[in-house]
Amino acid sequence: MAEFDNPYAEESPFVRAHFDCSDCGGKLWEYAIQGQMVCEDCRSVFHTADVFEAQADA
């Protein structure tokens, strides 16, 4: 079996996004592989595209 390096195994898949949660105002973390953002306070899940749209409209 071939061996290979998996950069995702060593790094956290979550990246702090520069957006606030529309439910509670907490900071959102982006899970880019699934195209979702999660609030660090209330744990609400949002689609990344929806968050971008809401910020663009504001």
PDB file of N, CA and C in Angstrom:
ATOM      1  N   MET A   1       0.844  -1.180   0.000  1.00  0.00           N
ATOM      2  CA  MET A   1       0.000   0.000   0.000  1.00  0.00           C
ATOM      3  C   MET A   1       0.894   1.250   0.000  1.00  0.00           C
ATOM      4  N   ALA A   2       0.539   2.208  -0.770  1.00  0.00           N
ATOM      5  CA  ALA A   2       1.307   3.450  -0.846  1.00  0.00           C
ATOM      6  C   ALA A   2       1.052   4.306   0.383  1.00  0.00           C
ATOM      7  N   GLU A   3       2.084   5.011   0.821  1.00  0.00           N
ATOM      8  CA  GLU A   3       1.937   5.930   1.952  1.00  0.00           C
ATOM      9  C   GLU A   3       1.890   7.354   1.422  1.00  0.00           C
ATOM     10  N   PHE A   4       1.156   8.203   2.101  1.00  0.00           N
ATOM     11  CA  PHE A   4       1.065   9.600   1.712  1.00  0.00           C
ATOM     12  C   PHE A   4       0.818  10.451   2.941  1.00  0.00           C
ATOM     13  N   ASP A   5       1.150  11.722   2.844  1.00  0.00           N
ATOM     14  CA  ASP A   5       0.918  12.663   3.931  1.00  0.00           C
ATOM     15  C   ASP A   5      -0.466  13.260   3.791  1.00  0.00           C
ATOM     16  N   ASN A   6      -1.159  13.335   4.892  1.00  0.00           N
ATOM     17  CA  ASN A   6      -2.494  13.932   4.913  1.00  0.00           C
ATOM     18  C   ASN A   6      -2.429  15.206   5.756  1.00  0.00           C
ATOM     19  N   PRO A   7      -2.380  16.376   5.109  1.00  0.00           N
ATOM     20  CA  PRO A   7      -2.267  17.627   5.874  1.00  0.00           C
ATOM     21  C   PRO A   7      -3.489  17.884   6.762  1.00  0.00           C
ATOM     22  N   TYR A   8      -4.637  17.315   6.431  1.00  0.00           N
ATOM     23  CA  TYR A   8      -5.835  17.528   7.234  1.00  0.00           C
ATOM     24  C   TYR A   8      -5.775  16.784   8.561  1.00  0.00           C
ATOM     25  N   ALA A   9      -4.968  15.746   8.645  1.00  0.00           N
ATOM     26  CA  ALA A   9      -4.858  14.970   9.879  1.00  0.00           C
ATOM     27  C   ALA A   9      -4.093  15.735  10.949  1.00  0.00           C
ATOM     28  N   GLU A  10      -3.252  16.667  10.555  1.00  0.00           N
ATOM     29  CA  GLU A  10      -2.424  17.406  11.501  1.00  0.00           C
ATOM     30  C   GLU A  10      -2.986  18.771  11.850  1.00  0.00           C
ATOM     31  N   GLU A  11      -3.846  19.314  11.054  1.00  0.00           N
ATOM     32  CA  GLU A  11      -4.387  20.649  11.265  1.00  0.00           C
ATOM     33  C   GLU A  11      -5.864  20.584  11.631  1.00  0.00           C
ATOM     34  N   SER A  12      -6.305  21.548  12.393  1.00  0.00           N
ATOM     35  CA  SER A  12      -7.724  21.637  12.734  1.00  0.00           C
ATOM     36  C   SER A  12      -8.516  22.044  11.498  1.00  0.00           C
ATOM     37  N   PRO A  13      -9.643  21.392  11.221  1.00  0.00           N
ATOM     38  CA  PRO A  13     -10.433  21.771  10.047  1.00  0.00           C
ATOM     39  C   PRO A  13     -11.236  23.052  10.289  1.00  0.00           C
ATOM     40  N   PHE A  14     -11.290  23.518  11.530  1.00  0.00           N
ATOM     41  CA  PHE A  14     -12.053  24.719  11.844  1.00  0.00           C
ATOM     42  C   PHE A  14     -11.181  25.967  11.739  1.00  0.00           C
ATOM     43  N   VAL A  15     -11.732  26.996  11.128  1.00  0.00           N
ATOM     44  CA  VAL A  15     -11.053  28.269  11.006  1.00  0.00           C
ATOM     45  C   VAL A  15     -11.996  29.344  11.524  1.00  0.00           C
ATOM     46  N   ARG A  16     -11.495  30.214  12.397  1.00  0.00           N
ATOM     47  CA  ARG A  16     -12.367  31.269  12.928  1.00  0.00           C
ATOM     48  C   ARG A  16     -12.711  32.239  11.808  1.00  0.00           C
ATOM     49  N   ALA A  17     -13.980  32.418  11.599  1.00  0.00           N
ATOM     50  CA  ALA A  17     -14.454  33.314  10.546  1.00  0.00           C
ATOM     51  C   ALA A  17     -14.660  34.709  11.139  1.00  0.00           C
ATOM     52  N   HIS A  18     -14.701  35.688  10.305  1.00  0.00           N
ATOM     53  CA  HIS A  18     -14.882  37.060  10.766  1.00  0.00           C
ATOM     54  C   HIS A  18     -16.352  37.462  10.679  1.00  0.00           C
ATOM     55  N   PHE A  19     -17.201  36.593  11.185  1.00  0.00           N
ATOM     56  CA  PHE A  19     -18.631  36.850  11.166  1.00  0.00           C
ATOM     57  C   PHE A  19     -19.216  36.565  12.534  1.00  0.00           C
ATOM     58  N   ASP A  20     -20.301  37.271  12.846  1.00  0.00           N
ATOM     59  CA  ASP A  20     -21.008  37.057  14.105  1.00  0.00           C
ATOM     60  C   ASP A  20     -22.256  36.229  13.855  1.00  0.00           C
ATOM     61  N   CYS A  21     -22.628  35.442  14.855  1.00  0.00           N
ATOM     62  CA  CYS A  21     -23.823  34.607  14.785  1.00  0.00           C
ATOM     63  C   CYS A  21     -25.065  35.493  14.744  1.00  0.00           C
ATOM     64  N   SER A  22     -25.976  35.182  13.851  1.00  0.00           N
ATOM     65  CA  SER A  22     -27.212  35.972  13.752  1.00  0.00           C
ATOM     66  C   SER A  22     -28.189  35.620  14.867  1.00  0.00           C
ATOM     67  N   ASP A  23     -27.965  34.496  15.562  1.00  0.00           N
ATOM     68  CA  ASP A  23     -28.851  34.096  16.655  1.00  0.00           C
ATOM     69  C   ASP A  23     -28.448  34.729  17.986  1.00  0.00           C
ATOM     70  N   CYS A  24     -27.142  34.684  18.321  1.00  0.00           N
ATOM     71  CA  CYS A  24     -26.732  35.150  19.650  1.00  0.00           C
ATOM     72  C   CYS A  24     -25.613  36.190  19.626  1.00  0.00           C
ATOM     73  N   GLY A  25     -24.988  36.427  18.472  1.00  0.00           N
ATOM     74  CA  GLY A  25     -23.912  37.407  18.383  1.00  0.00           C
ATOM     75  C   GLY A  25     -22.525  36.830  18.635  1.00  0.00           C
ATOM     76  N   GLY A  26     -22.424  35.513  18.898  1.00  0.00           N
ATOM     77  CA  GLY A  26     -21.132  34.869  19.114  1.00  0.00           C
ATOM     78  C   GLY A  26     -20.326  34.790  17.829  1.00  0.00           C
ATOM     79  N   LYS A  27     -19.085  34.407  17.957  1.00  0.00           N
ATOM     80  CA  LYS A  27     -18.208  34.284  16.789  1.00  0.00           C
ATOM     81  C   LYS A  27     -18.438  32.955  16.078  1.00  0.00           C
ATOM     82  N   LEU A  28     -18.364  32.986  14.761  1.00  0.00           N
ATOM     83  CA  LEU A  28     -18.565  31.790  13.953  1.00  0.00           C
ATOM     84  C   LEU A  28     -17.229  31.152  13.591  1.00  0.00           C
ATOM     85  N   TRP A  29     -17.234  29.833  13.550  1.00  0.00           N
ATOM     86  CA  TRP A  29     -16.102  29.045  13.080  1.00  0.00           C
ATOM     87  C   TRP A  29     -16.531  28.365  11.805  1.00  0.00           C
ATOM     88  N   GLU A  30     -15.677  28.414  10.778  1.00  0.00           N
ATOM     89  CA  GLU A  30     -16.021  27.815   9.492  1.00  0.00           C
ATOM     90  C   GLU A  30     -15.433  26.417   9.370  1.00  0.00           C
ATOM     91  N   TYR A  31     -16.267  25.491   8.969  1.00  0.00           N
ATOM     92  CA  TYR A  31     -15.838  24.138   8.624  1.00  0.00           C
ATOM     93  C   TYR A  31     -15.956  24.055   7.114  1.00  0.00           C
ATOM     94  N   ALA A  32     -14.901  24.492   6.439  1.00  0.00           N
ATOM     95  CA  ALA A  32     -14.953  24.726   4.996  1.00  0.00           C
ATOM     96  C   ALA A  32     -15.232  23.478   4.179  1.00  0.00           C
ATOM     97  N   ILE A  33     -14.791  22.320   4.657  1.00  0.00           N
ATOM     98  CA  ILE A  33     -14.991  21.093   3.895  1.00  0.00           C
ATOM     99  C   ILE A  33     -16.475  20.829   3.690  1.00  0.00           C
ATOM    100  N   GLN A  34     -17.295  21.151   4.698  1.00  0.00           N
ATOM    101  CA  GLN A  34     -18.735  20.934   4.598  1.00  0.00           C
ATOM    102  C   GLN A  34     -19.494  22.190   4.213  1.00  0.00           C
ATOM    103  N   GLY A  35     -18.793  23.303   4.056  1.00  0.00           N
ATOM    104  CA  GLY A  35     -19.452  24.549   3.678  1.00  0.00           C
ATOM    105  C   GLY A  35     -20.393  25.064   4.747  1.00  0.00           C
ATOM    106  N   GLN A  36     -19.996  24.903   6.018  1.00  0.00           N
ATOM    107  CA  GLN A  36     -20.833  25.330   7.131  1.00  0.00           C
ATOM    108  C   GLN A  36     -20.050  26.173   8.113  1.00  0.00           C
ATOM    109  N   MET A  37     -20.778  26.964   8.889  1.00  0.00           N
ATOM    110  CA  MET A  37     -20.196  27.718   9.993  1.00  0.00           C
ATOM    111  C   MET A  37     -20.943  27.353  11.256  1.00  0.00           C
ATOM    112  N   VAL A  38     -20.206  27.293  12.374  1.00  0.00           N
ATOM    113  CA  VAL A  38     -20.772  26.912  13.667  1.00  0.00           C
ATOM    114  C   VAL A  38     -20.468  28.015  14.658  1.00  0.00           C
ATOM    115  N   CYS A  39     -21.459  28.401  15.468  1.00  0.00           N
ATOM    116  CA  CYS A  39     -21.274  29.421  16.491  1.00  0.00           C
ATOM    117  C   CYS A  39     -20.575  28.806  17.698  1.00  0.00           C
ATOM    118  N   GLU A  40     -19.564  29.519  18.232  1.00  0.00           N
ATOM    119  CA  GLU A  40     -18.826  28.992  19.381  1.00  0.00           C
ATOM    120  C   GLU A  40     -19.630  29.083  20.674  1.00  0.00           C
ATOM    121  N   ASP A  41     -20.685  29.897  20.695  1.00  0.00           N
ATOM    122  CA  ASP A  41     -21.482  30.057  21.916  1.00  0.00           C
ATOM    123  C   ASP A  41     -22.731  29.181  21.926  1.00  0.00           C
ATOM    124  N   CYS A  42     -23.613  29.360  20.943  1.00  0.00           N
ATOM    125  CA  CYS A  42     -24.893  28.653  20.955  1.00  0.00           C
ATOM    126  C   CYS A  42     -24.883  27.383  20.088  1.00  0.00           C
ATOM    127  N   ARG A  43     -23.788  27.152  19.357  1.00  0.00           N
ATOM    128  CA  ARG A  43     -23.616  25.955  18.520  1.00  0.00           C
ATOM    129  C   ARG A  43     -24.590  25.869  17.350  1.00  0.00           C
ATOM    130  N   SER A  44     -25.172  26.994  16.961  1.00  0.00           N
ATOM    131  CA  SER A  44     -26.030  27.013  15.771  1.00  0.00           C
ATOM    132  C   SER A  44     -25.167  26.763  14.543  1.00  0.00           C
ATOM    133  N   VAL A  45     -25.735  26.105  13.541  1.00  0.00           N
ATOM    134  CA  VAL A  45     -25.015  25.775  12.309  1.00  0.00           C
ATOM    135  C   VAL A  45     -25.652  26.551  11.160  1.00  0.00           C
ATOM    136  N   PHE A  46     -24.822  27.160  10.344  1.00  0.00           N
ATOM    137  CA  PHE A  46     -25.276  27.949   9.206  1.00  0.00           C
ATOM    138  C   PHE A  46     -24.516  27.510   7.957  1.00  0.00           C
ATOM    139  N   HIS A  47     -25.143  27.627   6.802  1.00  0.00           N
ATOM    140  CA  HIS A  47     -24.451  27.401   5.538  1.00  0.00           C
ATOM    141  C   HIS A  47     -23.586  28.628   5.262  1.00  0.00           C
ATOM    142  N   THR A  48     -22.362  28.405   4.860  1.00  0.00           N
ATOM    143  CA  THR A  48     -21.427  29.502   4.617  1.00  0.00           C
ATOM    144  C   THR A  48     -21.987  30.489   3.600  1.00  0.00           C
ATOM    145  N   ALA A  49     -22.601  30.000   2.541  1.00  0.00           N
ATOM    146  CA  ALA A  49     -23.158  30.882   1.502  1.00  0.00           C
ATOM    147  C   ALA A  49     -24.232  31.799   2.078  1.00  0.00           C
ATOM    148  N   ASP A  50     -25.064  31.274   3.000  1.00  0.00           N
ATOM    149  CA  ASP A  50     -26.110  32.085   3.625  1.00  0.00           C
ATOM    150  C   ASP A  50     -25.515  33.205   4.475  1.00  0.00           C
ATOM    151  N   VAL A  51     -24.433  32.913   5.182  1.00  0.00           N
ATOM    152  CA  VAL A  51     -23.779  33.920   6.024  1.00  0.00           C
ATOM    153  C   VAL A  51     -23.192  35.008   5.145  1.00  0.00           C
ATOM    154  N   PHE A  52     -22.534  34.613   4.050  1.00  0.00           N
ATOM    155  CA  PHE A  52     -21.968  35.607   3.123  1.00  0.00           C
ATOM    156  C   PHE A  52     -23.064  36.485   2.541  1.00  0.00           C
ATOM    157  N   GLU A  53     -24.182  35.888   2.148  1.00  0.00           N
ATOM    158  CA  GLU A  53     -25.305  36.653   1.581  1.00  0.00           C
ATOM    159  C   GLU A  53     -25.848  37.648   2.583  1.00  0.00           C
ATOM    160  N   ALA A  54     -26.052  37.209   3.819  1.00  0.00           N
ATOM    161  CA  ALA A  54     -26.602  38.077   4.861  1.00  0.00           C
ATOM    162  C   ALA A  54     -25.669  39.251   5.145  1.00  0.00           C
ATOM    163  N   GLN A  55     -24.373  39.028   5.139  1.00  0.00           N
ATOM    164  CA  GLN A  55     -23.405  40.097   5.385  1.00  0.00           C
ATOM    165  C   GLN A  55     -23.367  41.079   4.207  1.00  0.00           C
ATOM    166  N   ALA A  56     -23.513  40.568   2.992  1.00  0.00           N
ATOM    167  CA  ALA A  56     -23.497  41.426   1.817  1.00  0.00           C
ATOM    168  C   ALA A  56     -24.728  42.324   1.769  1.00  0.00           C
ATOM    169  N   ASP A  57     -25.872  41.806   2.255  1.00  0.00           N
ATOM    170  CA  ASP A  57     -27.110  42.570   2.235  1.00  0.00           C
ATOM    171  C   ASP A  57     -27.165  43.620   3.336  1.00  0.00           C
ATOM    172  N   ALA A  58     -26.374  43.431   4.394  1.00  0.00           N
ATOM    173  CA  ALA A  58     -26.419  44.350   5.553  1.00  0.00           C
ATOM    174  C   ALA A  58     -25.770  45.666   5.266  1.00  0.00           C
TER     175      ALA A  58
END
